[in-house]
N, C-alpha and C. Protein backbone atom coordinates (compact mmCIF):
# COMPACT_ATOMS: atom_id res chain seq x y z
N UNK A 1 117.27 184.67 176.07
CA UNK A 1 116.06 183.90 177.06
C UNK A 1 116.99 182.62 178.17
N UNK A 2 117.15 183.09 179.14
CA UNK A 2 117.95 181.97 180.00
C UNK A 2 116.33 181.20 181.19
N UNK A 3 117.47 179.57 181.45
CA UNK A 3 116.30 178.88 181.90
C UNK A 3 117.38 179.40 183.19
N UNK A 4 116.64 179.42 184.61
CA UNK A 4 116.94 178.77 185.97
C UNK A 4 117.16 177.21 185.91
N UNK A 5 118.48 177.21 186.54
CA UNK A 5 119.08 175.74 186.77
C UNK A 5 119.00 175.63 188.66
N UNK A 6 118.13 174.66 188.77
CA UNK A 6 117.96 174.24 190.65
C UNK A 6 119.20 172.84 190.63
N UNK A 7 119.97 173.55 191.41
CA UNK A 7 120.64 172.23 191.97
C UNK A 7 120.20 171.79 193.87
N UNK A 8 120.29 170.64 193.44
CA UNK A 8 119.74 170.03 195.50
C UNK A 8 121.08 169.80 195.98
N UNK A 9 121.71 170.96 196.73
CA UNK A 9 123.03 170.61 196.95
C UNK A 9 123.00 169.56 198.28
N UNK A 10 122.12 168.72 198.71
CA UNK A 10 121.80 168.09 199.71
C UNK A 10 122.36 166.66 199.21
N UNK A 11 122.25 166.69 198.44
CA UNK A 11 122.42 165.38 197.33
C UNK A 11 123.74 164.85 197.29
N UNK A 12 124.29 163.53 197.29
CA UNK A 12 125.14 163.00 196.71
C UNK A 12 126.05 164.37 195.59
N UNK A 13 127.41 164.74 195.53
CA UNK A 13 127.67 165.63 194.65
C UNK A 13 128.47 164.24 193.17
N UNK A 14 127.99 164.62 192.78
CA UNK A 14 129.20 164.06 191.49
C UNK A 14 130.41 164.23 191.04
N UNK A 15 131.11 162.46 190.50
CA UNK A 15 132.59 163.14 190.84
C UNK A 15 133.04 162.73 189.25
N UNK A 16 132.85 162.21 188.45
CA UNK A 16 133.06 162.31 187.12
C UNK A 16 132.01 162.27 186.45
N UNK A 17 131.77 162.45 185.00
CA UNK A 17 130.75 162.49 184.45
C UNK A 17 129.64 161.38 184.60
N UNK A 18 128.50 161.78 184.98
CA UNK A 18 127.28 161.08 185.07
C UNK A 18 127.42 159.65 186.38
N UNK A 19 128.68 159.92 187.20
CA UNK A 19 128.72 158.96 188.49
C UNK A 19 127.52 158.89 188.99
N UNK A 20 127.10 157.77 189.29
CA UNK A 20 126.00 157.35 190.30
C UNK A 20 126.41 156.32 191.08
N UNK A 21 127.85 156.15 191.43
CA UNK A 21 128.08 154.91 192.35
C UNK A 21 127.88 153.90 191.10
N UNK A 22 128.31 153.87 190.03
CA UNK A 22 127.83 152.85 189.15
C UNK A 22 129.46 152.19 188.79
N UNK A 23 130.25 152.51 189.22
CA UNK A 23 131.32 152.02 188.94
C UNK A 23 132.21 153.10 187.73
N UNK A 24 131.42 154.26 187.34
CA UNK A 24 132.24 155.02 186.39
C UNK A 24 133.36 155.43 186.91
N UNK A 25 133.55 155.47 188.33
CA UNK A 25 135.06 156.14 188.84
C UNK A 25 135.46 154.95 189.53
N UNK A 26 136.84 154.38 189.57
CA UNK A 26 137.14 153.43 190.86
C UNK A 26 138.54 153.76 191.21
N UNK A 27 138.36 154.14 192.30
CA UNK A 27 140.21 153.76 193.08
C UNK A 27 140.43 152.44 194.01
N UNK A 28 141.52 151.76 194.03
CA UNK A 28 141.49 150.94 194.18
C UNK A 28 143.22 151.24 195.13
N UNK A 29 143.19 151.13 196.35
CA UNK A 29 144.94 151.33 197.00
C UNK A 29 144.93 149.86 198.16
N UNK A 30 145.83 149.40 197.75
CA UNK A 30 146.30 147.78 198.33
C UNK A 30 147.52 147.93 198.73
N UNK A 31 148.20 147.15 199.43
CA UNK A 31 149.68 146.95 199.93
C UNK A 31 150.21 146.95 198.35
N UNK A 32 149.82 146.27 197.17
CA UNK A 32 150.54 145.74 196.21
C UNK A 32 150.30 147.38 195.45
N UNK A 33 149.28 148.02 194.70
CA UNK A 33 149.32 148.88 193.75
C UNK A 33 148.08 149.79 194.29
N UNK A 34 147.82 150.67 193.65
CA UNK A 34 147.38 152.25 193.61
C UNK A 34 146.96 152.09 192.27
N UNK A 35 145.54 152.07 191.95
CA UNK A 35 144.71 152.23 190.58
C UNK A 35 143.34 153.22 190.51
N UNK A 36 143.26 153.74 189.46
CA UNK A 36 142.19 154.47 189.31
C UNK A 36 141.74 154.29 187.94
N UNK A 37 140.18 154.16 187.67
CA UNK A 37 139.98 153.92 186.45
C UNK A 37 138.75 154.73 186.37
N UNK A 38 138.67 155.03 185.29
CA UNK A 38 137.78 155.99 184.78
C UNK A 38 137.05 156.21 183.63
N UNK A 39 135.38 156.59 182.89
CA UNK A 39 135.04 156.77 181.82
C UNK A 39 135.60 157.80 181.00
N UNK A 40 136.55 157.83 180.53
CA UNK A 40 137.17 158.52 178.82
C UNK A 40 136.62 158.41 177.83
N UNK A 41 135.41 157.83 177.74
CA UNK A 41 134.59 157.44 176.37
C UNK A 41 134.34 158.44 175.54
N UNK A 42 134.68 159.54 176.01
CA UNK A 42 134.25 160.73 175.48
C UNK A 42 135.42 161.63 174.42
N UNK A 43 136.48 161.02 174.47
CA UNK A 43 137.99 161.65 174.42
C UNK A 43 138.68 160.38 173.86
N UNK A 44 139.75 160.82 172.54
CA UNK A 44 140.78 160.35 172.29
C UNK A 44 141.73 160.64 173.00
N UNK A 45 142.77 159.28 172.76
CA UNK A 45 144.04 159.44 173.19
C UNK A 45 144.94 160.87 173.65
N UNK A 46 144.75 161.51 172.33
CA UNK A 46 145.25 162.71 172.11
C UNK A 46 145.05 164.06 173.16
N UNK A 47 143.42 163.80 173.52
CA UNK A 47 142.89 164.68 174.20
C UNK A 47 142.74 164.13 175.55
N UNK A 48 143.76 163.51 176.08
CA UNK A 48 143.89 163.00 177.45
C UNK A 48 145.33 163.46 177.66
N UNK A 49 145.67 163.86 179.41
CA UNK A 49 146.78 164.35 179.66
C UNK A 49 146.59 163.44 181.04
N UNK A 50 147.51 163.15 181.23
CA UNK A 50 147.73 162.31 182.81
C UNK A 50 149.38 162.78 183.12
N UNK A 51 149.13 163.54 184.36
CA UNK A 51 150.34 164.12 185.10
C UNK A 51 150.74 163.71 186.67
N UNK A 52 151.86 163.51 186.96
CA UNK A 52 152.13 163.40 188.34
C UNK A 52 152.96 164.70 188.52
N UNK A 53 152.52 165.67 189.67
CA UNK A 53 153.25 166.43 189.94
C UNK A 53 153.28 167.06 191.86
N UNK A 54 154.48 167.13 192.47
CA UNK A 54 154.25 167.05 193.64
C UNK A 54 153.09 166.38 194.83
N UNK A 55 153.60 164.82 194.16
CA UNK A 55 152.57 163.98 194.86
C UNK A 55 151.00 163.84 194.54
N UNK A 56 150.70 164.38 193.41
CA UNK A 56 149.43 164.25 192.93
C UNK A 56 149.29 163.90 191.47
N UNK A 57 148.23 162.66 191.39
CA UNK A 57 147.90 162.51 189.89
C UNK A 57 146.69 162.99 189.73
N UNK A 58 147.07 163.79 188.41
CA UNK A 58 146.34 164.68 187.78
C UNK A 58 145.87 164.13 186.38
N UNK A 59 144.65 164.63 186.16
CA UNK A 59 143.93 163.82 184.27
C UNK A 59 143.06 165.01 184.42
N UNK A 60 143.31 165.41 183.04
CA UNK A 60 142.49 166.54 182.60
C UNK A 60 142.17 165.55 181.27
N UNK A 61 140.77 165.69 180.70
CA UNK A 61 140.84 165.83 179.27
C UNK A 61 139.88 166.91 178.78
N UNK A 62 140.06 166.90 177.29
CA UNK A 62 139.59 167.77 177.08
C UNK A 62 139.54 167.80 175.15
N UNK A 63 138.43 167.98 174.75
CA UNK A 63 138.15 168.04 173.44
C UNK A 63 137.76 169.17 172.67
N UNK A 64 137.91 170.42 171.88
CA UNK A 64 137.27 171.41 171.14
C UNK A 64 135.98 171.11 170.70
N UNK A 65 135.48 172.34 170.58
CA UNK A 65 134.17 171.77 169.98
C UNK A 65 134.00 171.11 168.81
N UNK A 66 132.61 170.25 168.88
CA UNK A 66 132.35 169.45 167.48
C UNK A 66 131.14 169.37 167.65
N UNK A 67 130.90 169.36 166.10
CA UNK A 67 129.06 169.11 166.02
C UNK A 67 128.82 167.94 165.85
N UNK A 68 127.31 167.55 166.07
CA UNK A 68 126.63 166.90 165.91
C UNK A 68 125.53 166.96 165.68
N UNK A 69 124.67 165.97 165.28
CA UNK A 69 123.33 166.23 165.17
C UNK A 69 122.01 167.22 165.96
N UNK A 70 122.66 167.45 166.75
CA UNK A 70 121.85 168.27 167.72
C UNK A 70 122.50 169.59 168.11
N UNK A 71 123.91 169.78 167.31
CA UNK A 71 124.34 171.15 167.35
C UNK A 71 126.04 170.77 168.03
N UNK A 72 126.68 171.92 168.47
CA UNK A 72 127.92 171.69 169.16
C UNK A 72 127.98 171.71 170.54
N UNK A 73 129.24 170.80 170.57
CA UNK A 73 129.34 170.19 172.23
C UNK A 73 130.80 170.85 172.21
N UNK A 74 131.11 171.52 173.84
CA UNK A 74 132.75 171.22 173.98
C UNK A 74 132.70 170.43 175.13
N UNK A 75 133.53 169.70 175.56
CA UNK A 75 133.91 168.98 176.71
C UNK A 75 135.21 169.15 177.52
N UNK A 76 135.15 169.19 178.38
CA UNK A 76 136.71 169.55 179.51
C UNK A 76 136.50 168.72 180.88
N UNK A 77 137.03 167.87 181.14
CA UNK A 77 136.91 167.09 182.51
C UNK A 77 138.29 167.16 183.21
N UNK A 78 138.13 167.90 184.73
CA UNK A 78 139.94 167.49 185.12
C UNK A 78 139.69 166.32 186.70
N UNK A 79 140.16 165.72 187.13
CA UNK A 79 139.90 165.62 188.28
C UNK A 79 141.51 165.06 188.96
N UNK A 80 142.16 165.04 190.16
CA UNK A 80 143.48 164.89 190.73
C UNK A 80 143.14 164.47 191.91
N UNK A 81 143.92 163.41 192.31
CA UNK A 81 144.07 162.61 193.45
C UNK A 81 145.23 162.85 193.76
N UNK A 82 145.73 162.76 194.86
CA UNK A 82 146.73 162.73 196.00
C UNK A 82 147.22 161.29 196.27
N UNK A 83 148.33 161.24 195.70
CA UNK A 83 148.74 159.97 195.68
C UNK A 83 149.18 159.10 197.20
N UNK A 84 149.12 158.41 197.75
CA UNK A 84 149.52 157.66 198.80
C UNK A 84 150.86 157.71 198.83
N UNK A 85 151.72 158.14 199.94
CA UNK A 85 153.11 157.94 200.56
C UNK A 85 154.00 156.80 199.86
N UNK A 86 153.20 156.03 199.68
CA UNK A 86 154.07 154.56 199.70
C UNK A 86 154.15 154.14 197.63
N UNK A 87 153.52 155.17 197.54
CA UNK A 87 153.87 154.51 195.91
C UNK A 87 155.11 155.01 195.31
N UNK A 88 155.51 154.10 194.32
CA UNK A 88 156.12 154.51 193.49
C UNK A 88 155.71 155.03 192.31
N UNK A 89 156.22 156.52 191.89
CA UNK A 89 155.96 157.46 191.37
C UNK A 89 156.85 157.37 190.05
N UNK A 90 157.51 156.32 189.66
CA UNK A 90 158.32 155.93 188.91
C UNK A 90 157.63 154.61 188.02
N UNK A 91 156.80 154.15 188.68
CA UNK A 91 155.96 153.22 188.27
C UNK A 91 154.49 153.22 187.40
N UNK A 92 154.38 154.65 187.42
CA UNK A 92 153.12 154.85 187.20
C UNK A 92 152.90 155.12 185.34
N UNK A 93 151.83 153.96 185.20
CA UNK A 93 151.42 154.05 183.72
C UNK A 93 149.84 154.14 183.22
N UNK A 94 149.51 154.51 182.33
CA UNK A 94 148.00 154.55 182.14
C UNK A 94 147.72 153.79 180.63
N UNK A 95 146.35 153.21 180.70
CA UNK A 95 146.13 152.49 179.82
C UNK A 95 145.15 152.96 179.01
N UNK A 96 143.96 153.00 177.96
CA UNK A 96 143.11 153.80 177.70
C UNK A 96 142.42 152.30 176.83
N UNK A 97 141.31 151.97 177.05
CA UNK A 97 140.80 150.73 176.75
C UNK A 97 139.94 150.92 175.20
N UNK A 98 139.47 149.87 173.96
CA UNK A 98 139.15 150.44 173.45
C UNK A 98 137.51 150.76 174.39
N UNK A 99 137.25 150.65 174.51
CA UNK A 99 135.63 150.30 175.32
C UNK A 99 135.94 152.06 175.64
N UNK A 100 137.14 152.84 176.28
CA UNK A 100 136.89 153.97 176.88
C UNK A 100 137.29 154.53 178.39
N UNK A 101 138.00 152.80 178.82
CA UNK A 101 137.95 152.92 180.04
C UNK A 101 139.69 153.41 180.45
N UNK A 102 139.54 154.55 181.19
CA UNK A 102 141.03 154.68 181.41
C UNK A 102 141.53 154.23 182.72
N UNK A 103 143.01 153.29 182.74
CA UNK A 103 143.28 152.83 183.82
C UNK A 103 144.87 153.25 184.32
N UNK A 104 144.85 153.81 185.24
CA UNK A 104 146.28 154.22 185.88
C UNK A 104 146.54 153.72 186.89
N UNK A 105 147.66 152.68 186.88
CA UNK A 105 148.17 151.82 187.72
C UNK A 105 149.39 152.78 188.23
N UNK A 106 149.86 152.26 189.74
CA UNK A 106 151.56 152.80 190.00
C UNK A 106 152.02 151.21 191.15
N UNK A 107 153.13 150.86 191.14
CA UNK A 107 153.00 149.81 192.20
C UNK A 107 153.60 150.88 193.66
N UNK A 108 153.52 149.60 194.57
CA UNK A 108 153.78 150.51 196.03
C UNK A 108 155.44 150.37 195.90
N UNK A 109 155.78 150.99 197.02
CA UNK A 109 157.47 151.10 197.30
C UNK A 109 157.41 150.22 198.15
N UNK A 110 158.94 148.99 198.16
CA UNK A 110 158.63 147.76 198.71
C UNK A 110 159.67 148.08 199.95
């Protein structure tokens, strides 16, 4: 049996899981730093990959099929950001907080 899924394509598109302008994803780009913060609470550090390639920051999170009280679930989310030209690529660092917030920061070239 299949169930039709309707989409309201005129509505704002979501950016990261369950984002509704609630701060789940944030991008800060100032004269001193570039920072991306996002909710990665469904993933362990080993399931999160952060890469920089050809001026783009890529975040890929994936976990294999898991069982819970309701059945099984697999999650996979990818997001990429074009890095501003004044970002020092060698300064990029990522940190996963104990609450599951992934923060990626980079200094600016001076």
